[in-house]
Amino acid sequence: MNLYATLILAFGMSMDAFAAAIGKGVSLHRPPLKEALRTGLIFGVIEALTPLIGWAIGLAASQYVMVWDHWIAFGLLFILGSRMIVEGLRKKEQELEEAPTRHGFWLLACTAVATSLDAMAVGVGLAFLQVSIVTTALAIGTSTMIMVTAGILLGRFLGPVLGKWAEIFGGVVLIGIGSSILVEHLGLMS
């Protein structure tokens, strides 16, 4: 796989994480650059590890990974998104000023895993090709880190505009990403 193909793959793999990061940034109260970088790093590391895991699984388990990855991603994103919507509906105006400036590690890690399961399936596919899996995984991780950091910062500016609906919007985005993954993998859209 040449450099351009690797970069296109890396960018494509980071788009779900970018959309999720916008939702995460919206639900925070003016997240600082440090939080954006932290979130980008968490997503980037997980997104870099999943194609390596997929590649290691290789031929033997590829049918099982590809059969279930979209359902797992949909389930995780639906649960996380629903949680955000419920929390957003419960919030009062005064709580908006007290919104957190950062998300917990495990919440970010679960979201990152859910948005990176397609990268694991790609890793399984890459096991059939003569590619440098480490280089490809690093490109995917780096692209994701950059895109997620930018997504958090973009969400920072969208959050005040959306006000009380910010967390609800973030939850809808996560459910939308999960639904999109499910629809794409089930072949419901041609």
C-alpha atoms as a PDB file:
ATOM      1  CA  MET A   1       0.000   0.000   0.000  1.00  0.00           C
ATOM      2  CA  ASN A   2       1.480   3.346  -1.002  1.00  0.00           C
ATOM      3  CA  LEU A   3       1.686   6.520   1.080  1.00  0.00           C
ATOM      4  CA  TYR A   4      -1.441   8.092  -0.432  1.00  0.00           C
ATOM      5  CA  ALA A   5      -3.543   4.988   0.142  1.00  0.00           C
ATOM      6  CA  THR A   6      -2.309   4.836   3.743  1.00  0.00           C
ATOM      7  CA  LEU A   7      -3.186   8.497   4.347  1.00  0.00           C
ATOM      8  CA  ILE A   8      -6.638   8.117   2.805  1.00  0.00           C
ATOM      9  CA  LEU A   9      -7.261   5.023   4.926  1.00  0.00           C
ATOM     10  CA  ALA A  10      -6.046   6.831   8.060  1.00  0.00           C
ATOM     11  CA  PHE A  11      -8.292   9.826   7.352  1.00  0.00           C
ATOM     12  CA  GLY A  12     -11.288   7.597   6.647  1.00  0.00           C
ATOM     13  CA  MET A  13     -10.787   5.640   9.861  1.00  0.00           C
ATOM     14  CA  SER A  14     -10.687   8.867  11.898  1.00  0.00           C
ATOM     15  CA  MET A  15     -13.966  10.375  10.653  1.00  0.00           C
ATOM     16  CA  ASP A  16     -16.251   8.545  13.123  1.00  0.00           C
ATOM     17  CA  ALA A  17     -13.991   9.583  15.980  1.00  0.00           C
ATOM     18  CA  PHE A  18     -14.008  13.192  14.703  1.00  0.00           C
ATOM     19  CA  ALA A  19     -17.809  13.320  14.738  1.00  0.00           C
ATOM     20  CA  ALA A  20     -17.915  11.763  18.215  1.00  0.00           C
ATOM     21  CA  ALA A  21     -15.317  14.274  19.428  1.00  0.00           C
ATOM     22  CA  ILE A  22     -17.456  17.189  18.276  1.00  0.00           C
ATOM     23  CA  GLY A  23     -20.280  15.761  20.385  1.00  0.00           C
ATOM     24  CA  LYS A  24     -17.951  15.326  23.342  1.00  0.00           C
ATOM     25  CA  GLY A  25     -16.615  18.875  22.965  1.00  0.00           C
ATOM     26  CA  VAL A  26     -20.144  20.281  22.772  1.00  0.00           C
ATOM     27  CA  SER A  27     -21.128  18.597  26.042  1.00  0.00           C
ATOM     28  CA  LEU A  28     -18.209  20.123  27.943  1.00  0.00           C
ATOM     29  CA  HIS A  29     -18.014  23.646  29.321  1.00  0.00           C
ATOM     30  CA  ARG A  30     -15.318  25.330  27.231  1.00  0.00           C
ATOM     31  CA  PRO A  31     -12.845  22.436  27.183  1.00  0.00           C
ATOM     32  CA  PRO A  32      -9.253  23.701  27.283  1.00  0.00           C
ATOM     33  CA  LEU A  33      -6.629  22.715  24.711  1.00  0.00           C
ATOM     34  CA  LYS A  34      -5.129  20.350  27.302  1.00  0.00           C
ATOM     35  CA  GLU A  35      -8.421  18.378  27.423  1.00  0.00           C
ATOM     36  CA  ALA A  36      -8.659  18.348  23.637  1.00  0.00           C
ATOM     37  CA  LEU A  37      -5.121  16.939  23.400  1.00  0.00           C
ATOM     38  CA  ARG A  38      -5.823  14.389  26.162  1.00  0.00           C
ATOM     39  CA  THR A  39      -8.960  13.195  24.386  1.00  0.00           C
ATOM     40  CA  GLY A  40      -7.122  13.115  21.054  1.00  0.00           C
ATOM     41  CA  LEU A  41      -4.352  11.025  22.596  1.00  0.00           C
ATOM     42  CA  ILE A  42      -6.785   8.508  24.140  1.00  0.00           C
ATOM     43  CA  PHE A  43      -8.675   8.102  20.867  1.00  0.00           C
ATOM     44  CA  GLY A  44      -5.467   8.027  18.819  1.00  0.00           C
ATOM     45  CA  VAL A  45      -3.841   5.293  20.895  1.00  0.00           C
ATOM     46  CA  ILE A  46      -6.957   3.131  20.848  1.00  0.00           C
ATOM     47  CA  GLU A  47      -7.476   3.718  17.122  1.00  0.00           C
ATOM     48  CA  ALA A  48      -3.827   2.735  16.493  1.00  0.00           C
ATOM     49  CA  LEU A  49      -4.127  -0.440  18.571  1.00  0.00           C
ATOM     50  CA  THR A  50      -7.318  -1.790  17.006  1.00  0.00           C
ATOM     51  CA  PRO A  51      -5.934  -2.456  13.506  1.00  0.00           C
ATOM     52  CA  LEU A  52      -2.983  -4.203  15.160  1.00  0.00           C
ATOM     53  CA  ILE A  53      -5.400  -6.396  17.115  1.00  0.00           C
ATOM     54  CA  GLY A  54      -7.415  -7.049  13.956  1.00  0.00           C
ATOM     55  CA  TRP A  55      -4.286  -7.897  12.017  1.00  0.00           C
ATOM     56  CA  ALA A  56      -3.199 -10.315  14.760  1.00  0.00           C
ATOM     57  CA  ILE A  57      -6.582 -12.024  14.705  1.00  0.00           C
ATOM     58  CA  GLY A  58      -6.057 -12.507  10.981  1.00  0.00           C
ATOM     59  CA  LEU A  59      -7.654 -15.230   8.963  1.00  0.00           C
ATOM     60  CA  ALA A  60      -8.813 -17.562  11.721  1.00  0.00           C
ATOM     61  CA  ALA A  61     -11.312 -15.235  13.359  1.00  0.00           C
ATOM     62  CA  SER A  62     -11.994 -12.726  10.592  1.00  0.00           C
ATOM     63  CA  GLN A  63     -15.513 -13.977   9.924  1.00  0.00           C
ATOM     64  CA  TYR A  64     -16.450 -13.552  13.602  1.00  0.00           C
ATOM     65  CA  VAL A  65     -14.979 -10.047  13.906  1.00  0.00           C
ATOM     66  CA  MET A  66     -16.665  -8.803  10.756  1.00  0.00           C
ATOM     67  CA  VAL A  67     -19.979 -10.411  11.659  1.00  0.00           C
ATOM     68  CA  TRP A  68     -20.263  -8.681  15.041  1.00  0.00           C
ATOM     69  CA  ASP A  69     -18.146  -5.491  14.938  1.00  0.00           C
ATOM     70  CA  HIS A  70     -20.976  -3.281  13.678  1.00  0.00           C
ATOM     71  CA  TRP A  71     -23.408  -4.585  16.298  1.00  0.00           C
ATOM     72  CA  ILE A  72     -20.912  -3.992  19.108  1.00  0.00           C
ATOM     73  CA  ALA A  73     -20.134  -0.475  17.852  1.00  0.00           C
ATOM     74  CA  PHE A  74     -23.841   0.330  17.487  1.00  0.00           C
ATOM     75  CA  GLY A  75     -24.618  -0.992  20.980  1.00  0.00           C
ATOM     76  CA  LEU A  76     -21.839   0.947  22.698  1.00  0.00           C
ATOM     77  CA  LEU A  77     -22.576   4.187  20.851  1.00  0.00           C
ATOM     78  CA  PHE A  78     -26.332   3.824  21.421  1.00  0.00           C
ATOM     79  CA  ILE A  79     -25.837   3.329  25.167  1.00  0.00           C
ATOM     80  CA  LEU A  80     -23.368   6.222  25.472  1.00  0.00           C
ATOM     81  CA  GLY A  81     -25.513   8.504  23.289  1.00  0.00           C
ATOM     82  CA  SER A  82     -28.698   7.650  25.179  1.00  0.00           C
ATOM     83  CA  ARG A  83     -26.939   8.402  28.445  1.00  0.00           C
ATOM     84  CA  MET A  84     -25.888  11.812  27.131  1.00  0.00           C
ATOM     85  CA  ILE A  85     -29.439  12.591  25.940  1.00  0.00           C
ATOM     86  CA  VAL A  86     -30.953  11.646  29.303  1.00  0.00           C
ATOM     87  CA  GLU A  87     -28.359  13.743  31.142  1.00  0.00           C
ATOM     88  CA  GLY A  88     -28.999  16.671  28.800  1.00  0.00           C
ATOM     89  CA  LEU A  89     -32.740  16.494  29.369  1.00  0.00           C
ATOM     90  CA  ARG A  90     -32.209  16.477  33.145  1.00  0.00           C
ATOM     91  CA  LYS A  91     -29.999  19.563  33.150  1.00  0.00           C
ATOM     92  CA  LYS A  92     -31.291  22.887  34.315  1.00  0.00           C
ATOM     93  CA  GLU A  93     -30.002  26.242  33.102  1.00  0.00           C
ATOM     94  CA  GLN A  94     -27.837  26.780  36.209  1.00  0.00           C
ATOM     95  CA  GLU A  95     -26.124  23.436  35.682  1.00  0.00           C
ATOM     96  CA  LEU A  96     -24.898  24.596  32.270  1.00  0.00           C
ATOM     97  CA  GLU A  97     -22.449  26.932  33.955  1.00  0.00           C
ATOM     98  CA  GLU A  98     -21.234  23.985  36.042  1.00  0.00           C
ATOM     99  CA  ALA A  99     -20.745  21.614  33.094  1.00  0.00           C
ATOM    100  CA  PRO A 100     -17.562  19.563  33.365  1.00  0.00           C
ATOM    101  CA  THR A 101     -14.430  20.687  31.560  1.00  0.00           C
ATOM    102  CA  ARG A 102     -13.313  17.099  30.968  1.00  0.00           C
ATOM    103  CA  HIS A 103     -14.715  13.623  30.488  1.00  0.00           C
ATOM    104  CA  GLY A 104     -13.625  10.610  32.506  1.00  0.00           C
ATOM    105  CA  PHE A 105     -11.055   8.262  31.010  1.00  0.00           C
ATOM    106  CA  TRP A 106     -13.376   5.239  30.832  1.00  0.00           C
ATOM    107  CA  LEU A 107     -16.143   7.158  29.076  1.00  0.00           C
ATOM    108  CA  LEU A 108     -13.639   8.352  26.471  1.00  0.00           C
ATOM    109  CA  ALA A 109     -12.086   4.896  26.142  1.00  0.00           C
ATOM    110  CA  CYS A 110     -15.507   3.252  25.573  1.00  0.00           C
ATOM    111  CA  THR A 111     -16.390   5.834  22.938  1.00  0.00           C
ATOM    112  CA  ALA A 112     -12.989   5.392  21.281  1.00  0.00           C
ATOM    113  CA  VAL A 113     -13.360   1.606  21.201  1.00  0.00           C
ATOM    114  CA  ALA A 114     -16.858   1.902  19.723  1.00  0.00           C
ATOM    115  CA  THR A 115     -15.666   4.212  16.948  1.00  0.00           C
ATOM    116  CA  SER A 116     -12.556   2.126  16.228  1.00  0.00           C
ATOM    117  CA  LEU A 117     -14.048  -1.331  15.712  1.00  0.00           C
ATOM    118  CA  ASP A 118     -14.103  -0.704  11.968  1.00  0.00           C
ATOM    119  CA  ALA A 119     -10.322  -0.169  12.187  1.00  0.00           C
ATOM    120  CA  MET A 120     -10.048  -3.629  13.745  1.00  0.00           C
ATOM    121  CA  ALA A 121     -11.921  -5.109  10.808  1.00  0.00           C
ATOM    122  CA  VAL A 122      -9.617  -3.196   8.448  1.00  0.00           C
ATOM    123  CA  GLY A 123      -6.686  -4.706  10.331  1.00  0.00           C
ATOM    124  CA  VAL A 124      -8.081  -8.171   9.663  1.00  0.00           C
ATOM    125  CA  GLY A 125      -8.275  -7.291   5.962  1.00  0.00           C
ATOM    126  CA  LEU A 126      -4.728  -5.931   5.988  1.00  0.00           C
ATOM    127  CA  ALA A 127      -3.492  -9.324   7.191  1.00  0.00           C
ATOM    128  CA  PHE A 128      -4.143 -10.547   3.630  1.00  0.00           C
ATOM    129  CA  LEU A 129      -2.018  -7.800   2.055  1.00  0.00           C
ATOM    130  CA  GLN A 130       1.673  -7.081   2.033  1.00  0.00           C
ATOM    131  CA  VAL A 131       1.558  -3.918   4.134  1.00  0.00           C
ATOM    132  CA  SER A 132       3.504  -2.557   7.048  1.00  0.00           C
ATOM    133  CA  ILE A 133       0.824  -2.893   9.714  1.00  0.00           C
ATOM    134  CA  VAL A 134       2.822  -0.832  12.221  1.00  0.00           C
ATOM    135  CA  THR A 135       3.164   2.096   9.798  1.00  0.00           C
ATOM    136  CA  THR A 136      -0.516   1.871   8.863  1.00  0.00           C
ATOM    137  CA  ALA A 137      -1.614   1.678  12.521  1.00  0.00           C
ATOM    138  CA  LEU A 138       0.571   4.673  13.414  1.00  0.00           C
ATOM    139  CA  ALA A 139      -0.905   6.667  10.520  1.00  0.00           C
ATOM    140  CA  ILE A 140      -4.442   5.803  11.649  1.00  0.00           C
ATOM    141  CA  GLY A 141      -3.648   6.680  15.272  1.00  0.00           C
ATOM    142  CA  THR A 142      -1.977   9.966  14.376  1.00  0.00           C
ATOM    143  CA  SER A 143      -4.788  10.994  12.047  1.00  0.00           C
ATOM    144  CA  THR A 144      -7.354  10.154  14.715  1.00  0.00           C
ATOM    145  CA  MET A 145      -5.466  12.086  17.374  1.00  0.00           C
ATOM    146  CA  ILE A 146      -5.393  15.193  15.172  1.00  0.00           C
ATOM    147  CA  MET A 147      -9.034  14.871  14.093  1.00  0.00           C
ATOM    148  CA  VAL A 148     -10.332  14.242  17.625  1.00  0.00           C
ATOM    149  CA  THR A 149      -8.362  17.171  19.050  1.00  0.00           C
ATOM    150  CA  ALA A 150      -9.836  19.395  16.333  1.00  0.00           C
ATOM    151  CA  GLY A 151     -13.313  17.944  16.980  1.00  0.00           C
ATOM    152  CA  ILE A 152     -13.159  18.750  20.705  1.00  0.00           C
ATOM    153  CA  LEU A 153     -12.043  22.303  19.935  1.00  0.00           C
ATOM    154  CA  LEU A 154     -14.796  22.702  17.335  1.00  0.00           C
ATOM    155  CA  GLY A 155     -17.304  21.404  19.885  1.00  0.00           C
ATOM    156  CA  ARG A 156     -16.005  24.046  22.301  1.00  0.00           C
ATOM    157  CA  PHE A 157     -17.345  26.758  20.012  1.00  0.00           C
ATOM    158  CA  LEU A 158     -20.585  24.954  19.197  1.00  0.00           C
ATOM    159  CA  GLY A 159     -21.395  24.256  22.878  1.00  0.00           C
ATOM    160  CA  PRO A 160     -22.271  27.838  23.892  1.00  0.00           C
ATOM    161  CA  VAL A 161     -24.381  28.255  20.746  1.00  0.00           C
ATOM    162  CA  LEU A 162     -26.367  25.112  21.483  1.00  0.00           C
ATOM    163  CA  GLY A 163     -26.699  25.935  25.180  1.00  0.00           C
ATOM    164  CA  LYS A 164     -28.898  23.489  27.052  1.00  0.00           C
ATOM    165  CA  TRP A 165     -29.188  21.252  23.990  1.00  0.00           C
ATOM    166  CA  ALA A 166     -25.422  20.664  23.722  1.00  0.00           C
ATOM    167  CA  GLU A 167     -25.313  17.313  25.515  1.00  0.00           C
ATOM    168  CA  ILE A 168     -28.483  16.146  23.775  1.00  0.00           C
ATOM    169  CA  PHE A 169     -26.862  17.016  20.437  1.00  0.00           C
ATOM    170  CA  GLY A 170     -23.734  15.058  21.409  1.00  0.00           C
ATOM    171  CA  GLY A 171     -25.858  12.019  22.293  1.00  0.00           C
ATOM    172  CA  VAL A 172     -27.752  12.221  19.025  1.00  0.00           C
ATOM    173  CA  VAL A 173     -24.427  12.414  17.149  1.00  0.00           C
ATOM    174  CA  LEU A 174     -23.164   9.245  18.877  1.00  0.00           C
ATOM    175  CA  ILE A 175     -26.394   7.361  18.154  1.00  0.00           C
ATOM    176  CA  GLY A 176     -26.238   8.611  14.560  1.00  0.00           C
ATOM    177  CA  ILE A 177     -22.681   7.331  14.152  1.00  0.00           C
ATOM    178  CA  GLY A 178     -23.667   3.947  15.597  1.00  0.00           C
ATOM    179  CA  SER A 179     -26.709   3.751  13.328  1.00  0.00           C
ATOM    180  CA  SER A 180     -24.613   4.712  10.313  1.00  0.00           C
ATOM    181  CA  ILE A 181     -22.097   1.956  11.076  1.00  0.00           C
ATOM    182  CA  LEU A 182     -24.915  -0.563  11.457  1.00  0.00           C
ATOM    183  CA  VAL A 183     -26.713   0.479   8.262  1.00  0.00           C
ATOM    184  CA  GLU A 184     -23.444   0.454   6.272  1.00  0.00           C
ATOM    185  CA  HIS A 185     -22.419  -2.999   7.467  1.00  0.00           C
ATOM    186  CA  LEU A 186     -25.867  -4.527   7.023  1.00  0.00           C
ATOM    187  CA  GLY A 187     -25.938  -3.219   3.452  1.00  0.00           C
ATOM    188  CA  LEU A 188     -29.252  -1.423   3.929  1.00  0.00           C
ATOM    189  CA  MET A 189     -28.095   1.516   1.829  1.00  0.00           C
ATOM    190  CA  SER A 190     -26.941   0.865  -1.691  1.00  0.00           C
END
